[in-house]
Amino acid sequence: MNEAAPEANTKQSGRAHRLGGALDHIASRLRSPRAPRRPRLWFEILLVAVSYWVYSLVRNAVPEQKAAALANADWLWSVERFLGIAVEQSVNHAVNSVTWLIVSMNYYYATLHFVVTISVLVWLFRRHPGRYAAARLALFATTAVALLGYYLYPLAPPRLMSGGHFIDTVLVHQTWGSMASGNFKNMSNQYAAMPSMHIGWSLWCGLTVFALASAPWARILGLLYPAVTLMVIVSTANHFWLDAVGGMACLAFGYAVSYAWYGSLPHRLPKRIPPKAGRPRLSALGAQPRREPAATRH
């Protein structure tokens, strides 16, 4: 009998085993970009910083088409009057008459837009790592499509309208921090009011907190945050009501992109990263198959 046959079969079986493991590993790697991973702190800090820098660079690089922006503002204002929702001027004047309130809103507009968004990202990173990437993608996609809106539809905010009789509350009360007025106005595109990312980002924060927070008071604050932000952007004459609708539409697009990539909305994904036990390991690719002891001739 040929004693080499079992040995050859064993080698072929081992090669087949290794080839199958390699193919499984490749398939796993191809699927892995869509699988939630444990976020890495240094990478996320770098990603958020670079992304915001690129966003600011592109937003401010959009040509300031003053004539078109003012014409679009007049048209949007006429649409709101036709719809019966053009009350921004009344709100602006009423809130401006209460000094402590409008000053607080000025600082709210200048700071919480960034502080709350970063805080929610950090909270997700620490408490919901399995949902972090999907939620972050929704936020980034929202911001990216907003850049397209700034380019295609330049829009002057109400405070810059010709004959609109709106009050630029930052200039009147000389409050610090707004990139839209005062000494900072040359650092920011003045005609990028549509869509409102104050609404897009605040609504993302609010929905995220409402969907994932366990404390009732936190969920209530999550719902109140975008509502208060809407009042702030109108009271300070930085946006029209319809700018807020544009921000909501961008957020809907962001969630659609996240859903298409991960196959689920962020809050429906597992809270923690699933264990890797089911995935093939690199070390297994080189493992030799266990050989049975050769039969002893008698």
Protein backbone atom coordinates (compact mmCIF):
# COMPACT_ATOMS: atom_id res chain seq x y z
CA MET A 1 0.00 0.00 0.00
CA ASN A 2 1.09 3.63 -0.60
CA GLU A 3 1.97 5.14 2.77
CA ALA A 4 2.46 8.61 1.21
CA ALA A 5 -1.22 8.96 0.34
CA PRO A 6 -2.41 9.86 3.88
CA GLU A 7 0.47 12.35 4.16
CA ALA A 8 -0.48 14.01 0.84
CA ASN A 9 -4.12 14.17 1.83
CA THR A 10 -3.17 15.78 5.12
CA LYS A 11 -1.07 18.44 3.34
CA GLN A 12 -3.86 19.17 0.87
CA SER A 13 -6.33 19.44 3.73
CA GLY A 14 -3.98 21.83 5.51
CA ARG A 15 -3.60 24.01 2.41
CA ALA A 16 -7.37 24.04 1.91
CA HIS A 17 -7.84 24.98 5.55
CA ARG A 18 -5.39 27.86 5.28
CA LEU A 19 -6.90 29.05 1.99
CA GLY A 20 -10.39 28.97 3.46
CA GLY A 21 -9.19 30.90 6.50
CA ALA A 22 -7.51 33.48 4.27
CA LEU A 23 -10.67 33.95 2.21
CA ASP A 24 -12.76 34.29 5.36
CA HIS A 25 -10.32 36.89 6.65
CA ILE A 26 -10.46 38.87 3.39
CA ALA A 27 -14.25 38.76 3.39
CA SER A 28 -14.27 39.92 6.99
CA ARG A 29 -11.96 42.82 6.17
CA LEU A 30 -14.20 43.84 3.27
CA ARG A 31 -17.23 43.83 5.57
CA SER A 32 -15.45 45.47 8.49
CA PRO A 33 -15.72 49.13 7.37
CA ARG A 34 -19.47 48.88 7.91
CA ALA A 35 -19.15 47.11 11.26
CA PRO A 36 -18.99 49.40 14.31
CA ARG A 37 -15.49 49.50 15.78
CA ARG A 38 -14.17 50.68 19.08
CA PRO A 39 -13.30 54.37 18.50
CA ARG A 40 -9.71 55.43 19.14
CA LEU A 41 -9.36 58.67 21.09
CA TRP A 42 -6.38 60.13 19.24
CA PHE A 43 -7.95 59.39 15.85
CA GLU A 44 -11.30 60.92 16.81
CA ILE A 45 -9.69 64.10 18.15
CA LEU A 46 -7.67 64.44 14.96
CA LEU A 47 -10.69 63.65 12.76
CA VAL A 48 -12.97 66.18 14.45
CA ALA A 49 -10.28 68.90 14.39
CA VAL A 50 -9.39 68.35 10.74
CA SER A 51 -13.03 68.04 9.69
CA TYR A 52 -14.00 71.31 11.36
CA TRP A 53 -10.96 73.03 9.87
CA VAL A 54 -11.94 71.80 6.39
CA TYR A 55 -15.58 72.80 6.99
CA SER A 56 -14.57 76.32 8.03
CA LEU A 57 -12.11 76.61 5.15
CA VAL A 58 -14.66 75.54 2.53
CA ARG A 59 -17.50 77.56 4.06
CA ASN A 60 -15.42 80.71 4.12
CA ALA A 61 -13.99 80.02 0.66
CA VAL A 62 -17.46 80.13 -0.89
CA PRO A 63 -17.63 83.45 -2.77
CA GLU A 64 -19.51 86.11 -0.85
CA GLN A 65 -22.11 86.86 -3.49
CA LYS A 66 -23.57 89.90 -1.78
CA ALA A 67 -26.06 90.91 -4.47
CA ALA A 68 -27.42 87.39 -4.90
CA ALA A 69 -27.49 86.83 -1.13
CA LEU A 70 -29.49 89.99 -0.52
CA ALA A 71 -31.88 89.20 -3.36
CA ASN A 72 -32.41 85.70 -1.99
CA ALA A 73 -33.07 87.14 1.48
CA ASP A 74 -35.72 89.49 0.08
CA TRP A 75 -37.35 86.58 -1.79
CA LEU A 76 -37.30 84.30 1.28
CA TRP A 77 -38.76 87.07 3.41
CA SER A 78 -41.59 87.53 0.89
CA VAL A 79 -42.24 83.76 0.93
CA GLU A 80 -42.52 83.81 4.72
CA ARG A 81 -44.90 86.76 4.56
CA PHE A 82 -47.02 84.81 2.07
CA LEU A 83 -47.02 81.82 4.42
CA GLY A 84 -47.87 84.00 7.40
CA ILE A 85 -44.75 83.07 9.39
CA ALA A 86 -42.71 86.26 8.91
CA VAL A 87 -42.55 87.22 12.57
CA GLU A 88 -38.75 87.24 12.92
CA GLN A 89 -38.60 91.04 13.03
CA SER A 90 -41.16 91.24 15.85
CA VAL A 91 -39.32 88.57 17.83
CA ASN A 92 -35.98 90.29 17.24
CA HIS A 93 -37.23 93.67 18.49
CA ALA A 94 -39.13 92.22 21.45
CA VAL A 95 -36.23 90.15 22.79
CA ASN A 96 -33.74 92.95 22.15
CA SER A 97 -35.71 95.15 24.55
CA VAL A 98 -34.78 92.80 27.42
CA THR A 99 -31.06 93.43 27.74
CA TRP A 100 -30.07 90.53 29.98
CA LEU A 101 -32.01 88.10 27.79
CA ILE A 102 -30.59 89.18 24.44
CA VAL A 103 -27.05 89.38 25.81
CA SER A 104 -27.43 85.82 27.11
CA MET A 105 -28.68 84.75 23.68
CA ASN A 106 -25.70 86.37 21.99
CA TYR A 107 -23.30 84.34 24.11
CA TYR A 108 -25.46 81.25 23.65
CA TYR A 109 -25.26 81.65 19.87
CA ALA A 110 -21.49 82.14 19.94
CA THR A 111 -20.52 79.30 22.28
CA LEU A 112 -23.01 76.47 22.87
CA HIS A 113 -23.06 75.57 19.18
CA PHE A 114 -19.57 74.13 19.67
CA VAL A 115 -19.55 73.26 23.37
CA VAL A 116 -22.69 71.11 23.37
CA THR A 117 -21.84 69.32 20.11
CA ILE A 118 -18.36 68.39 21.33
CA SER A 119 -19.78 67.34 24.70
CA VAL A 120 -22.29 64.98 23.07
CA LEU A 121 -19.53 63.47 20.92
CA VAL A 122 -17.41 62.87 24.03
CA TRP A 123 -20.40 61.34 25.86
CA LEU A 124 -21.05 59.00 22.94
CA PHE A 125 -17.39 58.04 22.78
CA ARG A 126 -17.29 57.12 26.47
CA ARG A 127 -20.76 55.69 27.10
CA HIS A 128 -21.96 54.41 23.71
CA PRO A 129 -18.89 53.36 21.71
CA GLY A 130 -20.90 50.96 19.55
CA ARG A 131 -23.11 53.82 18.34
CA TYR A 132 -20.46 56.52 18.16
CA ALA A 133 -19.29 55.98 14.57
CA ALA A 134 -22.80 55.90 13.11
CA ALA A 135 -23.85 59.03 15.00
CA ARG A 136 -20.63 60.80 14.01
CA LEU A 137 -21.20 59.89 10.36
CA ALA A 138 -24.70 61.39 10.51
CA LEU A 139 -23.25 64.63 11.90
CA PHE A 140 -20.45 64.79 9.35
CA ALA A 141 -22.77 64.05 6.41
CA THR A 142 -25.14 66.77 7.66
CA THR A 143 -22.30 69.28 7.72
CA ALA A 144 -20.97 68.23 4.32
CA VAL A 145 -24.27 68.71 2.51
CA ALA A 146 -24.68 72.10 4.22
CA LEU A 147 -21.55 73.27 2.39
CA LEU A 148 -23.32 72.56 -0.87
CA GLY A 149 -26.20 74.73 0.28
CA TYR A 150 -23.86 77.63 1.10
CA TYR A 151 -22.40 77.42 -2.40
CA LEU A 152 -25.63 77.01 -4.36
CA TYR A 153 -27.82 79.39 -2.38
CA PRO A 154 -26.01 82.37 -0.85
CA LEU A 155 -28.32 84.01 1.66
CA ALA A 156 -27.94 87.11 3.77
CA PRO A 157 -29.10 86.81 7.37
CA PRO A 158 -31.95 89.10 8.44
CA ARG A 159 -29.57 91.47 10.26
CA LEU A 160 -27.86 92.31 6.92
CA MET A 161 -31.01 92.83 4.86
CA SER A 162 -31.41 96.16 3.12
CA GLY A 163 -34.35 97.95 4.69
CA GLY A 164 -35.26 94.95 6.80
CA HIS A 165 -35.11 96.97 10.02
CA PHE A 166 -33.63 94.06 11.93
CA ILE A 167 -31.32 94.69 14.88
CA ASP A 168 -27.81 93.21 14.86
CA THR A 169 -27.85 92.39 18.56
CA VAL A 170 -24.12 91.64 18.77
CA LEU A 171 -23.23 95.10 17.46
CA VAL A 172 -25.84 96.89 19.55
CA HIS A 173 -24.84 95.24 22.82
CA GLN A 174 -21.16 94.78 21.92
CA THR A 175 -21.03 91.21 23.11
CA TRP A 176 -18.01 89.03 22.43
CA GLY A 177 -17.66 85.91 20.40
CA SER A 178 -19.95 85.98 17.39
CA MET A 179 -18.17 85.21 14.13
CA ALA A 180 -21.01 86.94 12.31
CA SER A 181 -20.62 90.51 13.56
CA GLY A 182 -18.16 92.96 14.98
CA ASN A 183 -14.42 92.36 14.81
CA PHE A 184 -14.84 88.74 13.74
CA LYS A 185 -17.04 89.33 10.69
CA ASN A 186 -14.13 89.29 8.24
CA MET A 187 -13.19 85.77 9.41
CA SER A 188 -16.53 84.23 8.45
CA ASN A 189 -18.69 84.14 5.34
CA GLN A 190 -21.47 86.59 6.04
CA TYR A 191 -23.78 85.19 3.38
CA ALA A 192 -24.01 81.53 4.39
CA ALA A 193 -27.26 81.55 6.35
CA MET A 194 -28.99 78.71 4.48
CA PRO A 195 -29.06 76.07 5.89
CA SER A 196 -28.69 76.81 9.60
CA MET A 197 -26.12 74.48 11.11
CA HIS A 198 -27.00 75.83 14.53
CA ILE A 199 -30.27 73.96 14.00
CA GLY A 200 -28.70 70.98 12.24
CA TRP A 201 -26.14 70.40 14.99
CA SER A 202 -28.46 71.22 17.92
CA LEU A 203 -31.15 68.89 16.60
CA TRP A 204 -28.55 66.14 16.17
CA CYS A 205 -27.49 66.68 19.79
CA GLY A 206 -31.07 66.76 21.04
CA LEU A 207 -32.20 63.64 19.22
CA THR A 208 -29.08 61.75 20.26
CA VAL A 209 -29.52 62.61 23.93
CA PHE A 210 -33.27 61.94 23.83
CA ALA A 211 -32.79 58.54 22.22
CA LEU A 212 -29.89 57.31 24.38
CA ALA A 213 -30.02 59.06 27.76
CA SER A 214 -31.58 57.11 30.61
CA ALA A 215 -32.32 60.02 32.95
CA PRO A 216 -35.69 61.71 32.22
CA TRP A 217 -34.29 65.19 32.91
CA ALA A 218 -31.52 64.62 30.33
CA ARG A 219 -34.05 63.53 27.72
CA ILE A 220 -36.13 66.63 28.40
CA LEU A 221 -33.05 68.85 28.03
CA GLY A 222 -32.31 67.05 24.78
CA LEU A 223 -35.67 68.13 23.39
CA LEU A 224 -35.42 71.67 24.76
CA TYR A 225 -31.96 72.37 23.35
CA PRO A 226 -32.89 72.62 19.62
CA ALA A 227 -36.12 74.46 20.51
CA VAL A 228 -34.21 77.10 22.48
CA THR A 229 -31.60 77.29 19.72
CA LEU A 230 -34.35 78.05 17.21
CA MET A 231 -35.51 80.97 19.35
CA VAL A 232 -31.93 82.21 19.69
CA ILE A 233 -31.09 82.23 15.99
CA VAL A 234 -34.28 84.14 15.22
CA SER A 235 -34.05 86.57 18.14
CA THR A 236 -30.47 87.52 17.24
CA ALA A 237 -31.48 88.05 13.58
CA ASN A 238 -28.97 85.52 12.35
CA HIS A 239 -31.49 83.26 10.58
CA PHE A 240 -34.98 83.03 9.13
CA TRP A 241 -37.40 80.29 10.15
CA LEU A 242 -36.84 78.64 6.77
CA ASP A 243 -33.08 78.47 7.40
CA ALA A 244 -33.97 76.15 10.26
CA VAL A 245 -36.02 74.00 7.89
CA GLY A 246 -32.94 73.77 5.68
CA GLY A 247 -30.88 72.60 8.67
CA MET A 248 -33.46 69.91 9.43
CA ALA A 249 -33.38 68.71 5.83
CA CYS A 250 -29.59 68.44 5.99
CA LEU A 251 -29.84 66.40 9.19
CA ALA A 252 -32.36 64.07 7.54
CA PHE A 253 -29.83 63.55 4.75
CA GLY A 254 -27.10 62.86 7.31
CA TYR A 255 -29.15 60.18 9.02
CA ALA A 256 -30.00 58.65 5.63
CA VAL A 257 -26.29 58.35 4.82
CA SER A 258 -25.58 56.77 8.21
CA TYR A 259 -28.48 54.33 7.79
CA ALA A 260 -27.33 53.37 4.29
CA TRP A 261 -23.80 52.63 5.57
CA TYR A 262 -24.55 50.86 8.84
CA GLY A 263 -27.95 49.41 7.99
CA SER A 264 -29.51 50.96 11.08
CA LEU A 265 -30.06 54.24 12.85
CA PRO A 266 -27.37 54.98 15.46
CA HIS A 267 -29.57 54.46 18.51
CA ARG A 268 -30.57 50.96 17.33
CA LEU A 269 -27.00 49.70 17.14
CA PRO A 270 -25.48 47.83 20.12
CA LYS A 271 -24.27 50.08 22.90
CA ARG A 272 -20.95 48.25 23.13
CA ILE A 273 -18.68 46.91 20.41
CA PRO A 274 -19.49 43.22 19.82
CA PRO A 275 -16.64 40.83 20.75
CA LYS A 276 -14.36 39.64 17.99
CA ALA A 277 -14.67 35.98 18.89
CA GLY A 278 -16.50 35.16 15.68
CA ARG A 279 -13.91 36.81 13.44
CA PRO A 280 -11.01 34.83 11.99
CA ARG A 281 -7.67 35.75 13.55
CA LEU A 282 -4.49 36.38 11.63
CA SER A 283 -2.64 33.87 13.77
CA ALA A 284 -5.09 31.20 12.72
CA LEU A 285 -4.10 31.63 9.08
CA GLY A 286 -0.70 30.14 9.69
CA ALA A 287 -1.84 27.43 12.06
CA GLN A 288 -0.97 23.96 10.96
CA PRO A 289 -3.70 21.36 10.96
CA ARG A 290 -3.48 18.77 13.63
CA ARG A 291 -2.03 15.57 12.27
CA GLU A 292 -3.22 12.19 13.30
CA PRO A 293 -0.46 9.76 14.28
CA ALA A 294 0.56 7.55 11.40
CA ALA A 295 -0.78 4.04 11.47
CA THR A 296 1.74 1.47 12.67
CA ARG A 297 2.48 -1.43 10.41
CA HIS A 298 2.26 -4.83 11.86
